[in-house]
Amino acid sequence: MDTNITIHIADDHQILIDGIIAVLSTEKNLEVTGYSLNGLEVVDWFTKNHADVLILDINMPELDGISVLKVLETKDQKPKIIVLSSYDDIKLVKEVLQMGAQGFVPKKSAGQHIVNAVKKVANDEQYFTDDIKEKMMQTLLNRPIKEKGSQDGVLITSLTKREREILKYVAQQYSTREIADELHISESTVETHRKNLMQKLKVKNSVGLAIFALKNEVI
């Protein structure tokens, strides 16, 4: 990656900020342009400046991370946002996704994952640690499909009945063969529908389909 990625860090613990800066500084194309110690400072900074990526703590004084997300969502030029949290509750993950965050990293895993997270979200991809993805998938198991609108610009009602069926099984971690057996169709047909879903929903893999389903309450 040749272009520099600019980063702003928001957390109320200086020691964590210093640690993240130290990790990010090992990558020549990542540039920390500033940091904030409370939510009001974040909003004020982004009123006057811009960074490609914001690493945002949820629990901050003055204005919490959820409130910061709400404010930044209204701005024309808003950063890609990675949420940091001491909690990894899936309800919280779902809430920040619906409010525009592109990534979620538990604080305990920040040192290990923050570089990859920044690179991914800067490249218009989502990023979640494996344990968060596993919890997402488990949350989706055995939930009935709903007809709900999507916040990603794609209505679930625009999918065909067969595509909705495929989406349900993919999100529940069924293999291609298992889906084919359940629906009495060929494996190649399943793969065709899977590819069509990824194209329509603008995701890159089955995990993306599952995350989409969780984010938009379609399963």
Protein backbone atom coordinates (compact mmCIF):
# COMPACT_ATOMS: atom_id res chain seq x y z
CA MET A 1 0.00 0.00 0.00
CA ASP A 2 1.71 3.13 -1.21
CA THR A 3 -0.67 5.82 0.03
CA ASN A 4 -0.40 6.90 3.65
CA ILE A 5 -3.37 6.13 5.87
CA THR A 6 -4.01 8.87 8.42
CA ILE A 7 -5.36 7.82 11.81
CA HIS A 8 -6.91 9.55 14.81
CA ILE A 9 -7.13 7.71 18.14
CA ALA A 10 -9.83 8.41 20.75
CA ASP A 11 -9.46 6.87 24.19
CA ASP A 12 -9.40 8.19 27.74
CA HIS A 13 -6.33 6.16 28.73
CA GLN A 14 -3.05 7.72 27.63
CA ILE A 15 -1.19 4.46 28.15
CA LEU A 16 -3.45 2.70 25.62
CA ILE A 17 -3.04 5.54 23.13
CA ASP A 18 0.73 5.37 23.49
CA GLY A 19 0.65 1.62 22.99
CA ILE A 20 -1.44 1.84 19.82
CA ILE A 21 0.78 4.60 18.45
CA ALA A 22 3.83 2.42 19.10
CA VAL A 23 2.28 -0.51 17.23
CA LEU A 24 1.08 1.60 14.30
CA SER A 25 4.45 3.35 14.01
CA THR A 26 6.04 0.07 12.94
CA GLU A 27 4.18 0.41 9.61
CA LYS A 28 5.63 3.08 7.32
CA ASN A 29 2.32 3.86 5.57
CA LEU A 30 0.32 4.41 8.74
CA GLU A 31 0.39 7.92 10.20
CA VAL A 32 -1.22 8.92 13.50
CA THR A 33 -2.22 12.55 13.04
CA GLY A 34 -3.68 13.12 16.50
CA TYR A 35 -5.55 11.75 19.48
CA SER A 36 -8.39 12.73 21.79
CA LEU A 37 -8.97 11.91 25.46
CA ASN A 38 -12.75 12.42 25.49
CA GLY A 39 -15.69 12.41 23.11
CA LEU A 40 -16.07 16.17 22.86
CA GLU A 41 -12.44 16.47 21.77
CA VAL A 42 -13.10 13.90 19.03
CA VAL A 43 -16.06 15.83 17.64
CA ASP A 44 -14.16 19.12 17.83
CA TRP A 45 -11.10 17.61 16.11
CA PHE A 46 -13.13 16.23 13.21
CA THR A 47 -14.94 19.55 12.83
CA LYS A 48 -11.61 21.15 11.93
CA ASN A 49 -9.58 18.23 10.57
CA HIS A 50 -9.88 14.90 8.80
CA ALA A 51 -8.31 11.48 9.18
CA ASP A 52 -8.94 8.37 7.08
CA VAL A 53 -9.53 6.13 10.09
CA LEU A 54 -10.78 6.81 13.61
CA ILE A 55 -9.97 4.28 16.35
CA LEU A 56 -12.77 4.99 18.81
CA ASP A 57 -13.20 3.84 22.39
CA ILE A 58 -16.83 3.36 23.40
CA ASN A 59 -16.48 4.36 27.06
CA MET A 60 -15.18 7.92 27.23
CA PRO A 61 -15.92 10.97 29.40
CA GLU A 62 -17.81 14.06 28.24
CA LEU A 63 -19.34 12.23 25.25
CA ASP A 64 -19.35 8.46 24.86
CA GLY A 65 -18.40 6.60 21.69
CA ILE A 66 -22.00 5.91 20.68
CA SER A 67 -22.76 9.64 20.79
CA VAL A 68 -19.60 10.36 18.80
CA LEU A 69 -20.74 7.88 16.14
CA LYS A 70 -24.09 9.64 15.90
CA VAL A 71 -22.42 13.03 15.39
CA LEU A 72 -19.87 11.82 12.83
CA GLU A 73 -22.55 9.96 10.86
CA THR A 74 -24.08 13.35 9.95
CA LYS A 75 -20.85 14.73 8.48
CA ASP A 76 -20.21 14.72 4.74
CA GLN A 77 -16.58 13.71 5.14
CA LYS A 78 -16.54 11.11 7.87
CA PRO A 79 -13.73 8.71 8.74
CA LYS A 80 -13.82 4.93 8.61
CA ILE A 81 -14.33 3.87 12.21
CA ILE A 82 -12.91 1.00 14.23
CA VAL A 83 -14.54 0.65 17.63
CA LEU A 84 -12.44 -0.41 20.61
CA SER A 85 -14.17 -1.78 23.66
CA SER A 86 -13.47 -3.68 26.84
CA TYR A 87 -16.75 -5.47 26.16
CA ASP A 88 -17.43 -7.83 23.26
CA ASP A 89 -21.18 -8.15 23.64
CA ILE A 90 -22.80 -8.84 20.26
CA LYS A 91 -25.58 -6.36 20.96
CA LEU A 92 -22.93 -3.66 21.19
CA VAL A 93 -21.25 -4.89 18.00
CA LYS A 94 -24.59 -4.79 16.19
CA GLU A 95 -25.35 -1.30 17.50
CA VAL A 96 -22.07 0.23 16.34
CA LEU A 97 -22.37 -1.49 12.94
CA GLN A 98 -25.80 0.02 12.44
CA MET A 99 -24.34 3.42 13.32
CA GLY A 100 -21.65 3.28 10.68
CA ALA A 101 -18.63 1.57 12.26
CA GLN A 102 -16.60 -0.65 9.92
CA GLY A 103 -14.67 -2.64 12.51
CA PHE A 104 -14.75 -3.86 16.09
CA VAL A 105 -11.70 -4.89 18.11
CA PRO A 106 -11.76 -5.84 21.81
CA LYS A 107 -9.17 -3.85 23.75
CA LYS A 108 -7.51 -7.03 24.96
CA SER A 109 -6.72 -7.85 21.30
CA ALA A 110 -5.83 -4.35 20.10
CA GLY A 111 -2.07 -4.84 19.92
CA GLN A 112 -2.45 -7.97 17.85
CA HIS A 113 -5.13 -6.78 15.46
CA ILE A 114 -5.07 -3.00 15.15
CA VAL A 115 -2.68 -2.77 12.17
CA ASN A 116 -4.70 -5.20 10.06
CA ALA A 117 -7.93 -3.57 11.18
CA VAL A 118 -6.76 -0.13 10.04
CA LYS A 119 -5.60 -1.44 6.67
CA LYS A 120 -8.83 -3.34 6.07
CA VAL A 121 -11.27 -0.57 6.92
CA ALA A 122 -9.18 2.00 5.03
CA ASN A 123 -9.65 -0.29 2.02
CA ASP A 124 -13.47 -0.19 2.45
CA GLU A 125 -13.59 -3.60 4.11
CA GLN A 126 -14.95 -4.60 7.50
CA TYR A 127 -12.75 -6.03 10.23
CA PHE A 128 -13.62 -8.21 13.20
CA THR A 129 -11.45 -10.46 15.31
CA ASP A 130 -12.10 -14.20 14.98
CA ASP A 131 -13.81 -14.41 18.36
CA ILE A 132 -16.21 -11.61 17.39
CA LYS A 133 -16.98 -13.32 14.07
CA GLU A 134 -17.64 -16.58 15.90
CA LYS A 135 -20.04 -14.86 18.28
CA MET A 136 -21.79 -13.25 15.31
CA MET A 137 -22.24 -16.60 13.65
CA GLN A 138 -23.52 -18.21 16.86
CA THR A 139 -26.02 -15.40 17.31
CA LEU A 140 -27.43 -16.15 13.87
CA LEU A 141 -28.02 -19.85 14.50
CA ASN A 142 -31.64 -21.00 14.37
CA ARG A 143 -33.18 -17.54 14.07
CA PRO A 144 -36.15 -17.24 11.67
CA ILE A 145 -35.71 -15.09 8.57
CA LYS A 146 -37.46 -11.71 8.60
CA GLU A 147 -38.50 -9.36 5.83
CA LYS A 148 -36.64 -6.17 6.80
CA GLY A 149 -35.12 -3.29 4.93
CA SER A 150 -31.36 -2.98 4.72
CA GLN A 151 -29.31 -0.01 5.86
CA ASP A 152 -26.69 -0.88 3.26
CA GLY A 153 -28.73 0.34 0.30
CA VAL A 154 -30.08 -3.14 -0.59
CA LEU A 155 -33.59 -4.21 0.39
CA ILE A 156 -33.91 -7.82 1.51
CA THR A 157 -37.22 -7.86 -0.35
CA SER A 158 -35.23 -7.31 -3.56
CA LEU A 159 -33.70 -10.76 -3.11
CA THR A 160 -35.46 -13.73 -4.64
CA LYS A 161 -37.05 -16.35 -2.41
CA ARG A 162 -34.24 -18.76 -3.26
CA GLU A 163 -31.57 -16.15 -2.46
CA ARG A 164 -33.15 -15.54 0.93
CA GLU A 165 -33.11 -19.27 1.59
CA ILE A 166 -29.45 -19.49 0.61
CA LEU A 167 -28.63 -16.48 2.81
CA LYS A 168 -30.31 -18.14 5.79
CA TYR A 169 -28.31 -21.35 5.42
CA VAL A 170 -24.99 -19.62 4.69
CA ALA A 171 -25.41 -17.48 7.83
CA GLN A 172 -26.05 -20.66 9.81
CA GLN A 173 -22.73 -22.11 8.60
CA TYR A 174 -24.18 -24.77 6.31
CA SER A 175 -21.72 -26.09 3.73
CA THR A 176 -22.49 -25.92 0.01
CA ARG A 177 -23.33 -29.63 -0.02
CA GLU A 178 -25.59 -29.31 3.02
CA ILE A 179 -27.47 -26.39 1.45
CA ALA A 180 -27.84 -28.36 -1.78
CA ASP A 181 -29.25 -31.32 0.14
CA GLU A 182 -31.66 -29.15 2.14
CA LEU A 183 -33.02 -27.37 -0.95
CA HIS A 184 -32.75 -30.34 -3.35
CA ILE A 185 -30.62 -28.42 -5.84
CA SER A 186 -27.13 -28.92 -7.23
CA GLU A 187 -24.00 -27.65 -5.49
CA SER A 188 -23.17 -25.54 -8.54
CA THR A 189 -26.56 -23.83 -8.26
CA VAL A 190 -25.88 -23.08 -4.60
CA GLU A 191 -22.52 -21.53 -5.51
CA THR A 192 -24.14 -19.43 -8.23
CA HIS A 193 -26.68 -18.07 -5.74
CA ARG A 194 -23.94 -17.45 -3.19
CA LYS A 195 -21.92 -15.43 -5.72
CA ASN A 196 -25.02 -13.46 -6.72
CA LEU A 197 -25.73 -12.67 -3.07
CA MET A 198 -22.19 -11.45 -2.46
CA GLN A 199 -22.44 -9.23 -5.53
CA LYS A 200 -25.84 -7.81 -4.57
CA LEU A 201 -24.93 -7.25 -0.94
CA LYS A 202 -21.42 -6.03 -1.76
CA VAL A 203 -19.57 -8.46 0.51
CA LYS A 204 -16.58 -10.66 -0.27
CA ASN A 205 -17.28 -13.97 1.46
CA SER A 206 -19.67 -16.01 3.58
CA VAL A 207 -18.62 -14.22 6.75
CA GLY A 208 -19.63 -10.97 5.06
CA LEU A 209 -23.04 -12.46 4.30
CA ALA A 210 -23.45 -13.49 7.93
CA ILE A 211 -22.39 -10.05 9.17
CA PHE A 212 -24.84 -8.43 6.75
CA ALA A 213 -27.60 -10.66 8.10
CA LEU A 214 -26.78 -9.76 11.70
CA LYS A 215 -26.37 -6.04 11.01
CA ASN A 216 -29.70 -5.74 9.25
CA GLU A 217 -31.72 -8.21 11.33
CA VAL A 218 -32.64 -10.27 8.30
CA ILE A 219 -32.16 -13.57 10.11
